[in-house]
Every structure is written in C-alpha cells, then in structure tokens.
All heavy atoms as atom14 arrays in JSON, in Angstrom:
{
  "sequence": "DIKLDNQRPAEYVFSRHVEQAMKRIKAGKKPHEDVAD",
  "atom14_mask": [
    [1, 1, 1, 1, 1, 1, 1, 1, 0, 0, 0, 0, 0, 0],
    [1, 1, 1, 1, 1, 1, 1, 1, 0, 0, 0, 0, 0, 0],
    [1, 1, 1, 1, 1, 1, 1, 1, 1, 0, 0, 0, 0, 0],
    [1, 1, 1, 1, 1, 1, 1, 1, 0, 0, 0, 0, 0, 0],
    [1, 1, 1, 1, 1, 1, 1, 1, 0, 0, 0, 0, 0, 0],
    [1, 1, 1, 1, 1, 1, 1, 1, 0, 0, 0, 0, 0, 0],
    [1, 1, 1, 1, 1, 1, 1, 1, 1, 0, 0, 0, 0, 0],
    [1, 1, 1, 1, 1, 1, 1, 1, 1, 1, 1, 0, 0, 0],
    [1, 1, 1, 1, 1, 1, 1, 0, 0, 0, 0, 0, 0, 0],
    [1, 1, 1, 1, 1, 0, 0, 0, 0, 0, 0, 0, 0, 0],
    [1, 1, 1, 1, 1, 1, 1, 1, 1, 0, 0, 0, 0, 0],
    [1, 1, 1, 1, 1, 1, 1, 1, 1, 1, 1, 1, 0, 0],
    [1, 1, 1, 1, 1, 1, 1, 0, 0, 0, 0, 0, 0, 0],
    [1, 1, 1, 1, 1, 1, 1, 1, 1, 1, 1, 0, 0, 0],
    [1, 1, 1, 1, 1, 1, 0, 0, 0, 0, 0, 0, 0, 0],
    [1, 1, 1, 1, 1, 1, 1, 1, 1, 1, 1, 0, 0, 0],
    [1, 1, 1, 1, 1, 1, 1, 1, 1, 1, 0, 0, 0, 0],
    [1, 1, 1, 1, 1, 1, 1, 0, 0, 0, 0, 0, 0, 0],
    [1, 1, 1, 1, 1, 1, 1, 1, 1, 0, 0, 0, 0, 0],
    [1, 1, 1, 1, 1, 1, 1, 1, 1, 0, 0, 0, 0, 0],
    [1, 1, 1, 1, 1, 0, 0, 0, 0, 0, 0, 0, 0, 0],
    [1, 1, 1, 1, 1, 1, 1, 1, 0, 0, 0, 0, 0, 0],
    [1, 1, 1, 1, 1, 1, 1, 1, 1, 0, 0, 0, 0, 0],
    [1, 1, 1, 1, 1, 1, 1, 1, 1, 1, 1, 0, 0, 0],
    [1, 1, 1, 1, 1, 1, 1, 1, 0, 0, 0, 0, 0, 0],
    [1, 1, 1, 1, 1, 1, 1, 1, 1, 0, 0, 0, 0, 0],
    [1, 1, 1, 1, 1, 0, 0, 0, 0, 0, 0, 0, 0, 0],
    [1, 1, 1, 1, 0, 0, 0, 0, 0, 0, 0, 0, 0, 0],
    [1, 1, 1, 1, 1, 1, 1, 1, 1, 0, 0, 0, 0, 0],
    [1, 1, 1, 1, 1, 1, 1, 1, 1, 0, 0, 0, 0, 0],
    [1, 1, 1, 1, 1, 1, 1, 0, 0, 0, 0, 0, 0, 0],
    [1, 1, 1, 1, 1, 1, 1, 1, 1, 1, 0, 0, 0, 0],
    [1, 1, 1, 1, 1, 1, 1, 1, 1, 0, 0, 0, 0, 0],
    [1, 1, 1, 1, 1, 1, 1, 1, 0, 0, 0, 0, 0, 0],
    [1, 1, 1, 1, 1, 1, 1, 0, 0, 0, 0, 0, 0, 0],
    [1, 1, 1, 1, 1, 0, 0, 0, 0, 0, 0, 0, 0, 0],
    [1, 1, 1, 1, 1, 1, 1, 1, 0, 0, 0, 0, 0, 0]
  ],
  "atom14_positions": [
    [[325.1, 205.49, 113.18], [325.3, 204.98, 111.82], [324.95, 206.06, 110.8], [324.32, 207.07, 111.12], [324.46, 203.73, 111.58], [325.13, 202.78, 110.6], [326.02, 203.23, 109.84], [324.78, 201.59, 110.59], [0.0, 0.0, 0.0], [0.0, 0.0, 0.0], [0.0, 0.0, 0.0], [0.0, 0.0, 0.0], [0.0, 0.0, 0.0], [0.0, 0.0, 0.0]],
    [[325.37, 205.84, 109.58], [325.12, 206.79, 108.5], [323.65, 206.7, 108.07], [323.13, 205.6, 107.87], [326.05, 206.48, 107.31], [327.52, 206.62, 107.75], [325.76, 207.39, 106.13], [328.51, 206.08, 106.74], [0.0, 0.0, 0.0], [0.0, 0.0, 0.0], [0.0, 0.0, 0.0], [0.0, 0.0, 0.0], [0.0, 0.0, 0.0], [0.0, 0.0, 0.0]],
    [[323.02, 207.82, 107.91], [321.61, 207.84, 107.5], [321.49, 207.51, 106.02], [322.34, 207.88, 105.21], [321.0, 209.21, 107.79], [320.91, 209.54, 109.28], [320.19, 210.85, 109.51], [320.11, 211.17, 110.99], [319.35, 210.15, 111.75], [0.0, 0.0, 0.0], [0.0, 0.0, 0.0], [0.0, 0.0, 0.0], [0.0, 0.0, 0.0], [0.0, 0.0, 0.0]],
    [[320.43, 206.82, 105.68], [320.21, 206.37, 104.3], [319.1, 207.16, 103.6], [318.73, 206.82, 102.47], [319.84, 204.88, 104.31], [320.82, 203.92, 105.0], [320.28, 202.49, 104.95], [322.2, 204.0, 104.36], [0.0, 0.0, 0.0], [0.0, 0.0, 0.0], [0.0, 0.0, 0.0], [0.0, 0.0, 0.0], [0.0, 0.0, 0.0], [0.0, 0.0, 0.0]],
    [[318.63, 208.22, 104.22], [317.46, 208.94, 103.7], [317.66, 209.49, 102.29], [316.7, 209.56, 101.51], [317.1, 210.1, 104.64], [316.78, 209.65, 106.05], [316.79, 208.43, 106.29], [316.54, 210.5, 106.92], [0.0, 0.0, 0.0], [0.0, 0.0, 0.0], [0.0, 0.0, 0.0], [0.0, 0.0, 0.0], [0.0, 0.0, 0.0], [0.0, 0.0, 0.0]],
    [[318.88, 209.89, 101.98], [319.12, 210.58, 100.71], [319.89, 209.74, 99.7], [320.41, 210.27, 98.72], [319.88, 211.89, 100.97], [319.06, 212.87, 101.79], [317.87, 213.03, 101.56], [319.71, 213.51, 102.76], [0.0, 0.0, 0.0], [0.0, 0.0, 0.0], [0.0, 0.0, 0.0], [0.0, 0.0, 0.0], [0.0, 0.0, 0.0], [0.0, 0.0, 0.0]],
    [[319.98, 208.43, 99.94], [320.73, 207.61, 98.99], [319.97, 207.5, 97.67], [318.75, 207.45, 97.63], [320.99, 206.22, 99.57], [319.75, 205.38, 99.8], [320.05, 204.02, 100.4], [321.18, 203.73, 100.76], [319.04, 203.17, 100.51], [0.0, 0.0, 0.0], [0.0, 0.0, 0.0], [0.0, 0.0, 0.0], [0.0, 0.0, 0.0], [0.0, 0.0, 0.0]],
    [[320.71, 207.47, 96.57], [320.07, 207.31, 95.26], [319.77, 205.84, 95.0], [320.45, 204.95, 95.55], [320.95, 207.89, 94.15], [322.28, 207.18, 93.93], [323.12, 207.92, 92.9], [324.44, 207.3, 92.78], [324.74, 206.37, 91.88], [323.81, 205.95, 91.02], [325.96, 205.85, 91.83], [0.0, 0.0, 0.0], [0.0, 0.0, 0.0], [0.0, 0.0, 0.0]],
    [[318.77, 205.56, 94.19], [318.41, 204.16, 93.94], [319.47, 203.43, 93.13], [320.27, 204.03, 92.4], [317.09, 204.28, 93.16], [317.14, 205.64, 92.54], [317.88, 206.5, 93.51], [0.0, 0.0, 0.0], [0.0, 0.0, 0.0], [0.0, 0.0, 0.0], [0.0, 0.0, 0.0], [0.0, 0.0, 0.0], [0.0, 0.0, 0.0], [0.0, 0.0, 0.0]],
    [[319.47, 202.11, 93.25], [320.44, 201.27, 92.55], [320.22, 201.34, 91.03], [319.09, 201.45, 90.55], [320.32, 199.83, 93.02], [0.0, 0.0, 0.0], [0.0, 0.0, 0.0], [0.0, 0.0, 0.0], [0.0, 0.0, 0.0], [0.0, 0.0, 0.0], [0.0, 0.0, 0.0], [0.0, 0.0, 0.0], [0.0, 0.0, 0.0], [0.0, 0.0, 0.0]],
    [[321.33, 201.28, 90.32], [321.3, 201.15, 88.86], [321.87, 199.77, 88.52], [322.82, 199.31, 89.16], [322.13, 202.24, 88.2], [321.63, 203.65, 88.46], [322.51, 204.71, 87.83], [323.22, 204.38, 86.85], [322.51, 205.85, 88.31], [0.0, 0.0, 0.0], [0.0, 0.0, 0.0], [0.0, 0.0, 0.0], [0.0, 0.0, 0.0], [0.0, 0.0, 0.0]],
    [[321.31, 199.15, 87.51], [321.74, 197.8, 87.14], [322.34, 197.83, 85.74], [321.63, 197.97, 84.75], [320.56, 196.83, 87.24], [320.04, 196.75, 88.66], [318.96, 197.52, 89.07], [320.69, 195.96, 89.61], [318.52, 197.49, 90.38], [320.25, 195.92, 90.92], [319.16, 196.68, 91.3], [318.74, 196.65, 92.62], [0.0, 0.0, 0.0], [0.0, 0.0, 0.0]],
    [[323.67, 197.74, 85.71], [324.41, 197.97, 84.46], [325.24, 196.76, 84.04], [325.93, 196.81, 83.02], [325.34, 199.2, 84.61], [324.52, 200.45, 84.87], [326.33, 198.99, 85.77], [0.0, 0.0, 0.0], [0.0, 0.0, 0.0], [0.0, 0.0, 0.0], [0.0, 0.0, 0.0], [0.0, 0.0, 0.0], [0.0, 0.0, 0.0], [0.0, 0.0, 0.0]],
    [[325.18, 195.68, 84.81], [326.04, 194.53, 84.54], [325.82, 193.98, 83.14], [326.78, 193.71, 82.41], [325.75, 193.43, 85.57], [326.48, 192.14, 85.32], [327.84, 192.04, 85.55], [325.8, 191.02, 84.87], [328.51, 190.84, 85.33], [326.45, 189.83, 84.63], [327.82, 189.74, 84.86], [0.0, 0.0, 0.0], [0.0, 0.0, 0.0], [0.0, 0.0, 0.0]],
    [[324.57, 193.82, 82.73], [324.3, 193.21, 81.43], [324.86, 194.06, 80.29], [325.3, 193.52, 79.27], [322.79, 193.0, 81.25], [322.1, 194.23, 81.35], [0.0, 0.0, 0.0], [0.0, 0.0, 0.0], [0.0, 0.0, 0.0], [0.0, 0.0, 0.0], [0.0, 0.0, 0.0], [0.0, 0.0, 0.0], [0.0, 0.0, 0.0], [0.0, 0.0, 0.0]],
    [[324.85, 195.39, 80.46], [325.39, 196.26, 79.43], [326.9, 196.06, 79.28], [327.42, 195.99, 78.17], [325.07, 197.72, 79.74], [325.53, 198.67, 78.63], [325.06, 200.09, 78.86], [325.84, 200.76, 79.89], [325.35, 201.22, 81.03], [324.07, 201.03, 81.3], [326.11, 201.83, 81.9], [0.0, 0.0, 0.0], [0.0, 0.0, 0.0], [0.0, 0.0, 0.0]],
    [[327.61, 195.95, 80.41], [329.06, 195.72, 80.35], [329.37, 194.39, 79.67], [330.3, 194.29, 78.86], [329.66, 195.71, 81.76], [329.59, 197.04, 82.45], [329.87, 198.22, 81.82], [329.26, 197.36, 83.73], [329.72, 199.21, 82.67], [329.36, 198.72, 83.84], [0.0, 0.0, 0.0], [0.0, 0.0, 0.0], [0.0, 0.0, 0.0], [0.0, 0.0, 0.0]],
    [[328.6, 193.37, 80.0], [328.82, 192.05, 79.4], [328.55, 192.09, 77.9], [329.32, 191.55, 77.09], [327.92, 191.0, 80.09], [328.0, 189.68, 79.33], [328.36, 190.8, 81.54], [0.0, 0.0, 0.0], [0.0, 0.0, 0.0], [0.0, 0.0, 0.0], [0.0, 0.0, 0.0], [0.0, 0.0, 0.0], [0.0, 0.0, 0.0], [0.0, 0.0, 0.0]],
    [[327.48, 192.75, 77.51], [327.13, 192.84, 76.09], [328.23, 193.55, 75.29], [328.63, 193.09, 74.21], [325.82, 193.6, 75.93], [325.36, 193.76, 74.49], [324.09, 194.58, 74.38], [323.47, 194.88, 75.42], [323.71, 194.9, 73.24], [0.0, 0.0, 0.0], [0.0, 0.0, 0.0], [0.0, 0.0, 0.0], [0.0, 0.0, 0.0], [0.0, 0.0, 0.0]],
    [[328.75, 194.65, 75.84], [329.81, 195.37, 75.15], [331.08, 194.54, 75.08], [331.77, 194.53, 74.05], [330.08, 196.7, 75.87], [328.94, 197.7, 75.74], [329.15, 198.94, 76.58], [329.93, 198.93, 77.53], [328.44, 200.01, 76.25], [0.0, 0.0, 0.0], [0.0, 0.0, 0.0], [0.0, 0.0, 0.0], [0.0, 0.0, 0.0], [0.0, 0.0, 0.0]],
    [[331.39, 193.83, 76.17], [332.58, 192.99, 76.18], [332.48, 191.87, 75.15], [333.45, 191.57, 74.44], [332.81, 192.41, 77.57], [0.0, 0.0, 0.0], [0.0, 0.0, 0.0], [0.0, 0.0, 0.0], [0.0, 0.0, 0.0], [0.0, 0.0, 0.0], [0.0, 0.0, 0.0], [0.0, 0.0, 0.0], [0.0, 0.0, 0.0], [0.0, 0.0, 0.0]],
    [[331.31, 191.27, 75.03], [331.13, 190.2, 74.06], [331.27, 190.73, 72.64], [331.83, 190.05, 71.75], [329.76, 189.54, 74.27], [329.64, 188.76, 75.56], [330.8, 187.38, 75.66], [330.14, 186.31, 74.36], [0.0, 0.0, 0.0], [0.0, 0.0, 0.0], [0.0, 0.0, 0.0], [0.0, 0.0, 0.0], [0.0, 0.0, 0.0], [0.0, 0.0, 0.0]],
    [[330.77, 191.93, 72.38], [330.93, 192.53, 71.05], [332.41, 192.73, 70.72], [332.85, 192.47, 69.6], [330.19, 193.87, 70.98], [328.67, 193.74, 70.85], [328.05, 195.11, 70.7], [326.54, 195.01, 70.47], [325.92, 196.35, 70.29], [0.0, 0.0, 0.0], [0.0, 0.0, 0.0], [0.0, 0.0, 0.0], [0.0, 0.0, 0.0], [0.0, 0.0, 0.0]],
    [[333.17, 193.23, 71.71], [334.6, 193.44, 71.48], [335.31, 192.13, 71.18], [336.15, 192.04, 70.29], [335.23, 194.11, 72.71], [334.8, 195.55, 72.94], [335.62, 196.17, 74.06], [335.19, 197.52, 74.35], [334.37, 197.86, 75.34], [333.88, 196.91, 76.13], [334.04, 199.11, 75.53], [0.0, 0.0, 0.0], [0.0, 0.0, 0.0], [0.0, 0.0, 0.0]],
    [[334.99, 191.11, 71.97], [335.65, 189.81, 71.78], [335.33, 189.25, 70.4], [336.21, 188.78, 69.67], [335.22, 188.84, 72.89], [335.81, 189.29, 74.25], [335.69, 187.41, 72.58], [335.25, 188.53, 75.42], [0.0, 0.0, 0.0], [0.0, 0.0, 0.0], [0.0, 0.0, 0.0], [0.0, 0.0, 0.0], [0.0, 0.0, 0.0], [0.0, 0.0, 0.0]],
    [[334.07, 189.32, 69.99], [333.66, 188.8, 68.67], [334.31, 189.58, 67.54], [334.58, 189.02, 66.46], [332.14, 188.84, 68.55], [331.42, 187.84, 69.46], [329.91, 188.03, 69.45], [329.3, 187.64, 68.13], [327.8, 187.68, 68.19], [0.0, 0.0, 0.0], [0.0, 0.0, 0.0], [0.0, 0.0, 0.0], [0.0, 0.0, 0.0], [0.0, 0.0, 0.0]],
    [[334.56, 190.87, 67.79], [335.17, 191.7, 66.75], [336.7, 191.68, 66.82], [337.36, 192.34, 66.02], [334.67, 193.13, 66.89], [0.0, 0.0, 0.0], [0.0, 0.0, 0.0], [0.0, 0.0, 0.0], [0.0, 0.0, 0.0], [0.0, 0.0, 0.0], [0.0, 0.0, 0.0], [0.0, 0.0, 0.0], [0.0, 0.0, 0.0], [0.0, 0.0, 0.0]],
    [[337.25, 190.94, 67.78], [338.7, 190.86, 67.92], [339.31, 192.13, 68.46], [340.49, 192.42, 68.21], [0.0, 0.0, 0.0], [0.0, 0.0, 0.0], [0.0, 0.0, 0.0], [0.0, 0.0, 0.0], [0.0, 0.0, 0.0], [0.0, 0.0, 0.0], [0.0, 0.0, 0.0], [0.0, 0.0, 0.0], [0.0, 0.0, 0.0], [0.0, 0.0, 0.0]],
    [[338.54, 192.91, 69.19], [339.04, 194.17, 69.73], [339.5, 194.0, 71.18], [339.12, 193.06, 71.87], [337.92, 195.24, 69.67], [337.54, 195.66, 68.25], [336.4, 196.65, 68.29], [336.05, 197.14, 66.88], [337.05, 198.07, 66.36], [0.0, 0.0, 0.0], [0.0, 0.0, 0.0], [0.0, 0.0, 0.0], [0.0, 0.0, 0.0], [0.0, 0.0, 0.0]],
    [[340.29, 194.96, 71.62], [340.75, 194.98, 72.99], [339.67, 195.59, 73.89], [338.76, 196.26, 73.4], [342.05, 195.77, 73.1], [343.21, 195.12, 72.35], [344.49, 195.93, 72.5], [345.64, 195.26, 71.76], [346.9, 196.04, 71.88], [0.0, 0.0, 0.0], [0.0, 0.0, 0.0], [0.0, 0.0, 0.0], [0.0, 0.0, 0.0], [0.0, 0.0, 0.0]],
    [[339.77, 195.37, 75.22], [338.69, 195.81, 76.11], [338.29, 197.27, 75.99], [337.13, 197.61, 76.16], [339.26, 195.5, 77.5], [340.17, 194.35, 77.28], [340.78, 194.58, 75.93], [0.0, 0.0, 0.0], [0.0, 0.0, 0.0], [0.0, 0.0, 0.0], [0.0, 0.0, 0.0], [0.0, 0.0, 0.0], [0.0, 0.0, 0.0], [0.0, 0.0, 0.0]],
    [[339.25, 198.17, 75.69], [338.92, 199.6, 75.67], [338.75, 200.15, 74.27], [338.57, 201.35, 74.11], [340.0, 200.39, 76.42], [340.01, 200.13, 77.89], [338.91, 200.34, 78.7], [340.96, 199.61, 78.7], [339.2, 200.02, 79.94], [340.43, 199.56, 79.97], [0.0, 0.0, 0.0], [0.0, 0.0, 0.0], [0.0, 0.0, 0.0], [0.0, 0.0, 0.0]],
    [[338.8, 199.31, 73.27], [338.59, 199.81, 71.92], [337.1, 200.04, 71.66], [336.24, 199.36, 72.22], [339.15, 198.82, 70.89], [340.68, 198.78, 70.89], [341.22, 197.86, 69.8], [340.67, 196.77, 69.61], [342.21, 198.25, 69.16], [0.0, 0.0, 0.0], [0.0, 0.0, 0.0], [0.0, 0.0, 0.0], [0.0, 0.0, 0.0], [0.0, 0.0, 0.0]],
    [[336.82, 201.0, 70.82], [335.44, 201.36, 70.49], [334.72, 200.17, 69.88], [335.26, 199.5, 69.01], [335.45, 202.55, 69.53], [334.06, 203.1, 69.27], [333.13, 202.68, 69.97], [333.95, 203.94, 68.37], [0.0, 0.0, 0.0], [0.0, 0.0, 0.0], [0.0, 0.0, 0.0], [0.0, 0.0, 0.0], [0.0, 0.0, 0.0], [0.0, 0.0, 0.0]],
    [[333.5, 199.95, 70.34], [332.72, 198.83, 69.78], [331.62, 199.31, 68.84], [330.77, 198.55, 68.45], [332.09, 197.97, 70.9], [333.13, 197.28, 71.71], [331.19, 198.83, 71.79], [0.0, 0.0, 0.0], [0.0, 0.0, 0.0], [0.0, 0.0, 0.0], [0.0, 0.0, 0.0], [0.0, 0.0, 0.0], [0.0, 0.0, 0.0], [0.0, 0.0, 0.0]],
    [[331.66, 200.59, 68.5], [330.6, 201.12, 67.63], [330.56, 200.38, 66.3], [329.5, 200.17, 65.73], [330.83, 202.61, 67.39], [0.0, 0.0, 0.0], [0.0, 0.0, 0.0], [0.0, 0.0, 0.0], [0.0, 0.0, 0.0], [0.0, 0.0, 0.0], [0.0, 0.0, 0.0], [0.0, 0.0, 0.0], [0.0, 0.0, 0.0], [0.0, 0.0, 0.0]],
    [[331.73, 199.97, 65.82], [331.8, 199.27, 64.54], [331.8, 197.77, 64.68], [331.92, 197.05, 63.71], [333.04, 199.71, 63.77], [333.02, 201.21, 63.48], [331.92, 201.75, 63.25], [334.09, 201.82, 63.49], [0.0, 0.0, 0.0], [0.0, 0.0, 0.0], [0.0, 0.0, 0.0], [0.0, 0.0, 0.0], [0.0, 0.0, 0.0], [0.0, 0.0, 0.0]]
  ]
}
C-alpha cells in the first residue's frame, strides 16, 4: 500500500466556500463573479 508518512494535514475550507457563495447570491452575482463588493 501507499505510505502515509509524508501526507500533509487536512485543510477545512467548506465554510469559506459557502460564505462566499451566499455573498454572491445575496448580491445577485454569478458564481465566479468577484464578491469583494
């Protein structure tokens, strides 16, 4: 089997994606439009 000794730790980014998506929806923007504004 593949060795796991050098695997990098998990990152948890789901909440960030959801937060950005909700901002876009509230602003009437499309999924890939900038949400800075």
